[in-house]
Protein backbone atom coordinates (compact mmCIF):
# COMPACT_ATOMS: atom_id res chain seq x y z
CA MET A 1 0.00 0.00 0.00
CA SER A 2 1.34 3.42 -0.97
CA ARG A 3 2.25 6.20 1.45
CA ARG A 4 -0.63 8.33 0.13
CA ALA A 5 -3.13 5.55 0.83
CA TRP A 6 -1.84 5.14 4.39
CA ASN A 7 -2.13 8.89 4.92
CA TRP A 8 -5.80 8.89 3.95
CA ILE A 9 -6.45 5.89 6.20
CA ILE A 10 -4.91 7.80 9.15
CA ILE A 11 -7.02 10.87 8.34
CA ALA A 12 -10.16 8.70 8.22
CA ILE A 13 -9.34 7.08 11.59
CA VAL A 14 -8.80 10.47 13.28
CA ILE A 15 -12.12 11.75 11.90
CA VAL A 16 -14.06 8.62 12.89
CA VAL A 17 -12.70 8.69 16.47
CA ALA A 18 -13.67 12.37 16.74
CA LEU A 19 -17.23 11.70 15.54
CA ILE A 20 -18.03 8.60 17.63
CA ASN A 21 -18.98 10.37 20.84
CA PRO A 22 -20.92 13.29 19.25
CA LEU A 23 -22.95 10.82 17.19
CA TYR A 24 -23.64 8.71 20.27
CA ARG A 25 -24.70 11.77 22.25
CA SER A 26 -26.89 13.01 19.41
CA LEU A 27 -28.95 9.82 19.77
CA ASN A 28 -29.69 10.84 23.36
CA LEU A 29 -31.80 13.98 23.28
CA HIS A 30 -30.87 14.80 26.89
CA ALA A 31 -27.10 14.70 26.30
CA PRO A 32 -25.47 17.75 24.63
CA ILE A 33 -22.66 17.04 22.18
CA VAL A 34 -20.32 19.18 24.33
CA THR A 35 -20.88 19.83 28.04
CA LEU A 36 -21.55 23.52 28.65
CA GLY A 37 -20.40 25.39 31.74
CA LEU A 38 -22.38 26.95 34.56
CA ASP A 39 -22.56 30.26 32.71
CA LEU A 40 -24.13 28.65 29.64
CA ARG A 41 -26.18 25.71 30.88
CA GLY A 42 -26.22 25.72 34.68
CA GLY A 43 -25.48 22.71 36.83
CA VAL A 44 -25.44 21.44 40.42
CA GLU A 45 -24.55 23.54 43.45
CA VAL A 46 -23.69 21.87 46.78
CA LEU A 47 -22.83 23.52 50.09
CA LEU A 48 -20.64 21.31 52.31
CA ARG A 49 -19.52 21.69 55.93
CA ALA A 50 -16.36 20.17 57.36
CA GLU A 51 -16.94 18.63 60.80
CA PRO A 52 -13.77 17.36 62.56
CA GLU A 53 -14.40 14.46 64.93
CA ASN A 54 -12.93 16.41 67.87
CA GLY A 55 -15.76 18.95 67.55
CA GLN A 56 -13.39 21.87 66.93
CA GLN A 57 -13.16 24.14 63.88
CA PRO A 58 -11.20 22.68 60.95
CA THR A 59 -7.73 24.06 60.34
CA ASP A 60 -6.66 25.82 57.15
CA ASP A 61 -4.61 22.75 56.18
CA GLN A 62 -7.63 20.50 56.65
CA MET A 63 -9.80 22.76 54.49
CA ARG A 64 -7.18 22.80 51.74
CA GLY A 65 -6.99 19.02 51.96
CA VAL A 66 -10.79 18.74 51.73
CA GLN A 67 -10.85 20.89 48.61
CA TYR A 68 -8.04 18.84 47.05
CA VAL A 69 -9.82 15.51 47.65
CA VAL A 70 -13.25 16.79 46.58
CA ARG A 71 -11.79 18.21 43.36
CA ASN A 72 -9.98 14.97 42.58
CA ARG A 73 -13.10 12.90 43.23
CA VAL A 74 -15.52 15.04 41.22
CA ASP A 75 -13.14 16.16 38.46
CA PRO A 76 -10.04 13.92 38.36
CA GLN A 77 -9.04 15.02 34.84
CA GLY A 78 -9.64 18.73 35.43
CA THR A 79 -11.85 19.05 32.34
CA LYS A 80 -15.24 19.76 33.98
CA GLU A 81 -14.40 23.34 35.03
CA ILE A 82 -15.88 22.82 38.51
CA SER A 83 -15.83 25.68 41.02
CA LEU A 84 -14.74 25.17 44.65
CA THR A 85 -15.02 28.17 46.98
CA GLN A 86 -14.42 28.25 50.74
CA VAL A 87 -17.26 29.99 52.55
CA GLY A 88 -16.40 31.10 56.07
CA VAL A 89 -14.24 28.87 58.22
CA ASP A 90 -15.76 25.43 57.70
CA ARG A 91 -17.86 25.49 54.53
CA ILE A 92 -17.19 24.83 50.86
CA LEU A 93 -19.42 25.73 47.92
CA LEU A 94 -19.10 23.24 45.06
CA GLN A 95 -20.50 24.01 41.61
CA VAL A 96 -20.46 21.33 38.90
CA PRO A 97 -21.50 22.48 35.40
CA GLY A 98 -23.74 20.36 33.21
CA GLU A 99 -24.94 18.08 36.03
CA ARG A 100 -28.60 17.63 36.93
CA ASN A 101 -28.44 15.13 39.80
CA PRO A 102 -27.17 16.53 43.14
CA ASP A 103 -27.46 13.09 44.78
CA ALA A 104 -24.98 11.60 42.32
CA ILE A 105 -22.44 14.32 43.17
CA LEU A 106 -22.95 13.79 46.91
CA GLU A 107 -22.43 10.04 46.43
CA ILE A 108 -19.12 10.65 44.66
CA ILE A 109 -17.94 13.04 47.39
CA GLY A 110 -18.96 10.69 50.19
CA GLU A 111 -17.40 7.57 48.71
CA THR A 112 -14.76 5.89 50.87
CA ALA A 113 -11.89 3.90 49.49
CA LEU A 114 -9.79 2.23 52.17
CA LEU A 115 -7.57 -0.24 50.36
CA GLU A 116 -5.81 -2.77 52.61
CA PHE A 117 -3.22 -5.45 51.91
CA VAL A 118 -3.79 -8.00 54.67
CA ASN A 119 -1.60 -10.92 55.67
CA THR A 120 -4.05 -13.83 56.03
CA GLY A 121 -1.37 -16.52 56.19
CA ASP A 122 -2.75 -19.93 55.18
CA ASP A 123 -6.33 -18.65 54.86
CA SER A 124 -7.84 -17.75 51.49
CA PHE A 125 -11.11 -15.82 51.05
CA GLU A 126 -13.71 -15.40 48.35
CA ALA A 127 -14.34 -12.08 46.61
CA GLY A 128 -17.15 -10.27 48.39
CA ASP A 129 -16.42 -11.58 51.91
CA ASN A 130 -16.79 -8.73 54.41
CA PHE A 131 -14.17 -8.43 57.17
CA ASN A 132 -16.02 -5.53 58.84
CA ILE A 133 -19.14 -5.34 60.97
CA GLU A 134 -21.98 -4.29 58.65
CA GLY A 135 -22.29 -0.51 58.40
CA THR A 136 -19.08 0.18 60.36
CA LYS A 137 -15.32 0.27 59.86
CA GLU A 138 -14.68 -2.11 62.76
CA ARG A 139 -13.34 -5.63 62.17
CA LYS A 140 -15.43 -8.66 62.97
CA GLU A 141 -13.94 -10.62 65.85
CA GLU A 142 -12.96 -13.61 63.72
CA TYR A 143 -10.95 -11.37 61.35
CA ALA A 144 -9.22 -9.22 63.99
CA LYS A 145 -6.20 -11.55 64.04
CA TYR A 146 -5.18 -10.65 60.48
CA VAL A 147 -2.62 -7.87 60.17
CA THR A 148 -2.82 -5.06 57.60
CA ILE A 149 0.56 -4.72 55.90
CA LEU A 150 -0.03 -1.68 53.69
CA THR A 151 -2.97 0.60 52.83
CA GLY A 152 -4.09 2.86 50.00
CA ALA A 153 -2.20 5.70 51.69
CA ASP A 154 1.02 3.92 50.64
CA LEU A 155 0.08 4.04 46.96
CA LYS A 156 1.79 6.38 44.55
CA SER A 157 -0.91 5.87 41.90
CA ALA A 158 -3.64 3.51 40.72
CA TYR A 159 -4.65 3.02 37.10
CA THR A 160 -6.68 0.83 34.74
CA LEU A 161 -5.07 -2.02 32.81
CA PHE A 162 -6.48 -4.50 30.29
CA PRO A 163 -4.42 -7.72 30.42
CA ASN A 164 -6.17 -10.40 28.35
CA ASN A 165 -8.80 -7.74 27.49
CA ARG A 166 -10.15 -7.76 31.06
CA PRO A 167 -10.35 -4.55 33.16
CA THR A 168 -7.82 -4.79 36.00
CA ILE A 169 -6.58 -2.40 38.68
CA GLY A 170 -2.90 -1.58 38.39
CA PHE A 171 -1.05 0.06 41.27
CA GLU A 172 2.36 1.44 42.23
CA PHE A 173 3.61 1.94 45.78
CA LYS A 174 5.64 4.85 47.09
CA PRO A 175 9.39 4.04 47.41
CA GLU A 176 9.41 3.14 51.14
CA ALA A 177 6.21 1.12 50.82
CA ALA A 178 7.62 -0.64 47.75
CA ASN A 179 10.60 -1.85 49.77
CA ALA A 180 8.34 -2.98 52.61
CA PHE A 181 6.09 -4.83 50.17
CA GLY A 182 9.07 -6.54 48.55
CA SER A 183 10.44 -7.66 51.92
CA PHE A 184 7.05 -8.93 53.05
CA THR A 185 6.41 -10.98 49.91
CA ASN A 186 9.97 -12.32 50.06
CA ASN A 187 9.35 -13.62 53.61
CA HIS A 188 5.83 -14.98 52.96
CA VAL A 189 6.11 -17.05 49.81
CA HIS A 190 3.19 -19.52 49.40
CA LYS A 191 1.10 -17.54 51.92
CA TYR A 192 -2.09 -15.62 51.10
CA LEU A 193 -2.24 -11.84 50.72
CA THR A 194 -5.86 -10.70 50.85
CA ILE A 195 -6.74 -7.32 49.34
CA LEU A 196 -9.70 -5.46 50.86
CA LEU A 197 -11.59 -2.37 49.75
CA ASP A 198 -13.56 -0.88 52.64
CA GLY A 199 -13.37 -4.24 54.39
CA VAL A 200 -14.70 -6.25 51.44
CA VAL A 201 -12.43 -8.81 49.75
CA LEU A 202 -11.43 -7.90 46.21
CA THR A 203 -9.10 -10.82 45.74
CA SER A 204 -7.05 -13.24 47.84
CA PRO A 205 -4.04 -14.42 45.81
CA VAL A 206 -1.21 -16.65 46.98
CA ILE A 207 2.29 -15.14 47.01
CA ASN A 208 4.28 -17.18 44.48
CA GLY A 209 7.50 -15.22 44.92
CA PRO A 210 8.95 -11.90 46.08
CA ILE A 211 7.46 -8.84 44.36
CA TRP A 212 10.02 -6.08 44.08
CA GLY A 213 9.68 -2.74 42.30
CA GLY A 214 6.47 -1.66 44.00
CA LYS A 215 4.15 -2.42 41.09
CA GLY A 216 1.33 -4.94 40.90
CA ILE A 217 -2.21 -5.64 39.73
CA ILE A 218 -5.49 -6.49 41.44
CA GLU A 219 -7.49 -8.98 39.40
CA GLY A 220 -11.14 -9.82 39.87
CA GLN A 221 -14.53 -9.94 38.18
CA PHE A 222 -14.60 -6.18 37.61
CA THR A 223 -16.49 -4.13 35.05
CA ILE A 224 -14.78 -1.15 33.42
CA GLU A 225 -17.02 1.18 35.44
CA GLU A 226 -16.02 -0.52 38.72
CA VAL A 227 -12.31 -0.33 37.91
CA ASP A 228 -12.59 3.36 36.95
CA LYS A 229 -14.49 4.11 40.16
CA ILE A 230 -11.99 2.30 42.39
CA THR A 231 -8.92 3.88 40.77
CA ARG A 232 -10.53 7.31 41.03
CA GLN A 233 -11.20 6.77 44.72
CA LEU A 234 -7.68 5.54 45.42
CA ASN A 235 -6.00 8.38 43.55
CA ALA A 236 -8.17 11.01 45.26
CA GLY A 237 -7.25 9.76 48.72
CA ALA A 238 -9.28 9.99 51.90
CA LEU A 239 -11.03 13.08 53.23
CA PRO A 240 -9.02 14.66 56.09
CA VAL A 241 -12.27 15.50 57.92
CA PRO A 242 -15.87 14.28 57.46
CA LEU A 243 -18.17 16.39 55.29
CA THR A 244 -21.88 17.10 55.75
CA ALA A 245 -24.09 18.39 52.92
CA LEU A 246 -26.00 21.44 54.10
CA SER A 247 -27.84 22.04 50.84
CA SER A 248 -27.86 20.96 47.21
CA SER A 249 -29.74 22.30 44.22
CA VAL A 250 -29.84 22.59 40.45
CA VAL A 251 -28.95 26.11 39.29
CA GLY A 252 -29.66 27.83 35.99
CA PRO A 253 -27.17 29.50 33.63
CA THR A 254 -25.66 32.79 34.80
CA LEU A 255 -25.77 34.29 31.30
CA GLY A 256 -28.89 35.06 29.31
CA GLN A 257 -29.64 33.27 26.06
CA GLN A 258 -29.19 36.55 24.20
CA SER A 259 -25.54 36.80 25.30
CA ILE A 260 -24.93 33.20 24.23
CA ASN A 261 -26.53 33.77 20.81
CA LYS A 262 -24.40 36.87 20.25
CA SER A 263 -21.28 34.86 21.06
CA TYR A 264 -22.22 32.21 18.52
CA ILE A 265 -22.90 34.87 15.88
CA ALA A 266 -19.56 36.57 16.61
CA GLY A 267 -17.79 33.24 16.27
CA LEU A 268 -19.49 32.44 12.97
CA VAL A 269 -18.71 35.89 11.56
CA GLY A 270 -15.06 35.59 12.61
CA PHE A 271 -14.81 32.13 11.03
CA ILE A 272 -16.28 33.39 7.74
CA ILE A 273 -13.94 36.41 7.66
CA VAL A 274 -10.91 34.14 8.09
CA LEU A 275 -12.11 31.93 5.22
CA ILE A 276 -12.68 34.94 2.95
CA TYR A 277 -9.20 36.25 3.74
CA MET A 278 -7.64 32.90 2.79
CA LEU A 279 -9.63 32.68 -0.46
CA VAL A 280 -8.72 36.22 -1.53
CA PHE A 281 -5.00 36.03 -0.75
CA TYR A 282 -4.22 32.41 -1.60
CA ARG A 283 -6.86 31.49 -4.21
CA LEU A 284 -6.97 27.74 -4.77
CA SER A 285 -4.67 27.13 -1.82
CA GLY A 286 -7.15 29.14 0.25
CA VAL A 287 -9.89 26.66 -0.68
CA VAL A 288 -7.73 23.86 0.70
CA ALA A 289 -7.12 25.90 3.86
CA ALA A 290 -10.88 26.45 4.23
CA VAL A 291 -11.48 22.69 4.06
CA ALA A 292 -8.68 21.97 6.55
CA LEU A 293 -9.89 24.69 8.94
CA SER A 294 -13.49 23.44 8.80
CA LEU A 295 -12.22 19.94 9.55
CA TYR A 296 -10.19 21.37 12.45
CA VAL A 297 -13.35 22.84 14.01
CA VAL A 298 -15.15 19.49 13.70
CA LEU A 299 -12.21 17.56 15.15
CA VAL A 300 -11.73 19.90 18.12
CA MET A 301 -15.40 19.76 19.06
CA GLY A 302 -15.38 15.97 18.60
CA TYR A 303 -12.39 15.40 20.86
CA PHE A 304 -13.72 17.88 23.44
CA SER A 305 -16.85 15.74 23.50
CA LEU A 306 -14.77 12.57 23.74
CA ILE A 307 -12.94 13.70 26.90
CA ASN A 308 -16.11 15.34 28.28
CA ALA A 309 -14.50 18.78 28.44
CA THR A 310 -16.69 21.62 29.71
CA LEU A 311 -17.09 24.64 27.46
CA THR A 312 -17.65 28.01 29.16
CA LEU A 313 -18.06 31.40 27.47
CA PRO A 314 -14.35 32.23 27.98
CA GLY A 315 -13.65 28.76 26.59
CA ILE A 316 -15.63 29.59 23.47
CA ALA A 317 -13.58 32.78 23.11
CA GLY A 318 -10.38 30.76 23.45
CA PHE A 319 -11.63 28.23 20.91
CA LEU A 320 -12.41 31.01 18.41
CA LEU A 321 -8.94 32.43 19.00
CA SER A 322 -7.46 28.99 18.30
CA ILE A 323 -9.14 29.03 14.87
CA GLY A 324 -7.09 32.08 13.96
CA MET A 325 -3.97 30.41 15.36
CA ALA A 326 -4.70 27.18 13.48
CA ILE A 327 -4.64 28.99 10.15
CA ASP A 328 -1.08 30.24 10.85
CA GLY A 329 0.39 26.93 9.73
CA ASN A 330 -1.35 27.16 6.36
CA ILE A 331 -0.21 30.77 5.89
CA ILE A 332 3.43 29.78 6.51
CA ILE A 333 3.13 26.93 4.00
CA PHE A 334 1.40 29.00 1.30
CA GLU A 335 3.81 31.93 1.61
CA ARG A 336 6.68 29.49 1.21
CA LEU A 337 4.90 27.99 -1.83
CA LYS A 338 4.68 31.45 -3.42
CA GLU A 339 8.41 31.97 -2.92
CA GLU A 340 9.29 28.59 -4.42
CA LEU A 341 7.14 29.30 -7.48
CA ARG A 342 8.78 32.72 -7.94
CA TRP A 343 12.15 30.96 -7.96
CA GLY A 344 11.02 29.04 -11.04
CA LYS A 345 10.34 25.60 -9.59
CA THR A 346 7.62 23.36 -10.96
CA LEU A 347 4.35 23.24 -9.04
CA VAL A 348 4.96 19.75 -7.59
CA ALA A 349 8.57 20.54 -6.63
CA ALA A 350 7.54 23.89 -5.12
CA MET A 351 4.85 22.22 -3.03
CA GLU A 352 7.23 19.55 -1.71
CA SER A 353 9.85 22.15 -0.83
CA ALA A 354 7.28 24.47 0.79
CA PHE A 355 5.97 21.78 3.12
CA ALA A 356 9.48 20.54 3.98
CA ARG A 357 10.76 24.01 4.91
CA ALA A 358 7.59 25.25 6.60
CA TRP A 359 7.28 22.12 8.75
CA VAL A 360 10.35 23.04 10.83
CA ALA A 361 8.95 26.47 11.75
CA ILE A 362 5.48 25.06 12.49
CA LEU A 363 6.90 22.24 14.63
CA ASP A 364 9.13 24.57 16.67
CA GLY A 365 6.31 26.98 17.42
CA ASN A 366 3.86 24.28 18.46
CA VAL A 367 6.31 22.17 20.48
CA THR A 368 7.15 25.13 22.71
CA THR A 369 3.42 25.64 23.34
CA LEU A 370 3.01 21.93 24.13
CA ILE A 371 5.87 22.17 26.64
CA ALA A 372 4.08 25.02 28.39
CA ALA A 373 0.84 22.97 28.36
CA ALA A 374 2.67 20.00 29.90
CA VAL A 375 3.99 22.18 32.72
CA LEU A 376 0.46 23.48 33.38
CA TYR A 377 -0.93 19.94 33.42
CA PHE A 378 1.61 18.37 35.78
CA PHE A 379 1.88 21.30 38.19
CA GLY A 380 -1.60 22.80 37.92
CA THR A 381 -4.92 21.71 39.41
CA GLY A 382 -8.58 21.99 38.47
CA PRO A 383 -9.34 24.45 35.63
CA VAL A 384 -5.63 25.06 34.99
CA LYS A 385 -5.17 21.35 34.35
CA GLY A 386 -8.27 21.27 32.17
CA PHE A 387 -7.03 24.25 30.16
CA ALA A 388 -3.74 22.43 29.55
CA VAL A 389 -5.62 19.39 28.23
CA THR A 390 -7.83 21.37 25.85
CA LEU A 391 -4.89 23.54 24.75
CA SER A 392 -2.84 20.43 23.90
CA ILE A 393 -5.72 18.95 21.92
CA GLY A 394 -6.12 22.19 19.99
CA ILE A 395 -2.40 22.42 19.20
CA LEU A 396 -2.08 18.79 18.07
CA LEU A 397 -5.19 18.98 15.90
CA SER A 398 -4.10 22.30 14.37
CA MET A 399 -0.81 20.68 13.34
CA PHE A 400 -2.70 17.68 11.99
CA SER A 401 -5.15 19.75 9.94
CA ALA A 402 -2.74 22.50 8.81
CA VAL A 403 0.04 20.16 7.72
CA PHE A 404 -1.10 16.58 7.33
CA VAL A 405 -4.60 17.17 5.90
CA THR A 406 -3.57 20.20 3.84
CA ARG A 407 -0.63 18.36 2.32
CA ASN A 408 -2.64 15.35 1.22
CA ILE A 409 -5.36 17.50 -0.33
CA MET A 410 -2.73 19.65 -2.07
CA GLU A 411 -1.02 16.54 -3.48
CA LEU A 412 -4.29 15.53 -5.12
CA LEU A 413 -5.00 19.06 -6.30
CA VAL A 414 -1.66 19.87 -7.97
CA ARG A 415 -1.93 16.73 -10.08
CA SER A 416 -5.31 17.85 -11.38
CA VAL A 417 -4.88 21.64 -11.62
CA ARG A 418 -1.36 22.45 -12.84
CA GLN A 419 -1.63 26.23 -13.25
CA PRO A 420 0.83 27.86 -10.80
CA LYS A 421 -0.92 31.24 -10.95
CA LEU A 422 -3.96 29.73 -9.23
CA TYR A 423 -1.80 28.99 -6.19
CA SER A 424 0.06 32.29 -5.88
């Protein structure tokens, strides 16, 4: 199969992946293609109060810890644009855009996730056996003799794996815990290590040999949803103090429909002006740019929908700005094409040279932006992290549409229309 054929297959795959989720959502009349923010669609608002067990007021560190855990539980990827505001000394106002079920949010916040690695010696247990007294965190008398070796607090991270196409929980211990786990397994070969989640047995494997390196998996009869829920709980950690819901409600959008409609009109007008500019200054090449830019808009919205990103009014403004930035790559390529044609090269040779030389400049500019996005993602939290994700998607797709898509369309075009003046 030729290189050109492979290129079109890749383009088709990228488009299909982008369209899967929007098409699925369009079949559900209650699910918007892209989740809108509180300012555009409203959402759920919950007022929480921190209540330390000692009856005193929570400390500033405890309140910061509560906000960190709540944010990680409700919005682990940072793409929902949730709002967390401390109210007074012991209260937190949580706003989740696009949601309509306050009870579901409260359930996520109140979930516990105490993971325990328990030395049960020669005793094996079935998945689902409960070591705790029903409704409490206290051990039943017959299980009190078993010692907990490590807990979820010793984990560095938890993640989803698919060995043999089955959803499985992967985990990695912190360095000190990894050494302790390796020593324990080395000294307890052929003994049982039972893994509990909130006192309930997940699995009870036998230790076949020492496990060094701090990494392992938890196998069981899990669904993908169960594995995702457990890993989210483990990565979020435990609440430093208990929380009580004082109130919860569904709130409407903060902006009127008229403001939203004006934003859409402004975006459409801006998009059309950019297309007209490209057609006037670059002629037939501008037509190719218009196709690539239209595809870019579709792809960005598709992948935003795929990762369930939340679109606020400022987000729409940023997206419209990215359209102008996305066309930069085409402008660099077409200006280089004009120069190559003025130097007397044939149309095909000029196109090849233009893409080769322009690619370096486009790559350098976008890689530096991706580096900045990576820093924001790894060191930021909440909306900052979400912005880094959406920014990275926009940058990668702009490179894909401006270079990869444009080049393949141009290769077809120059073999059909061989008049250089139509390109310059």
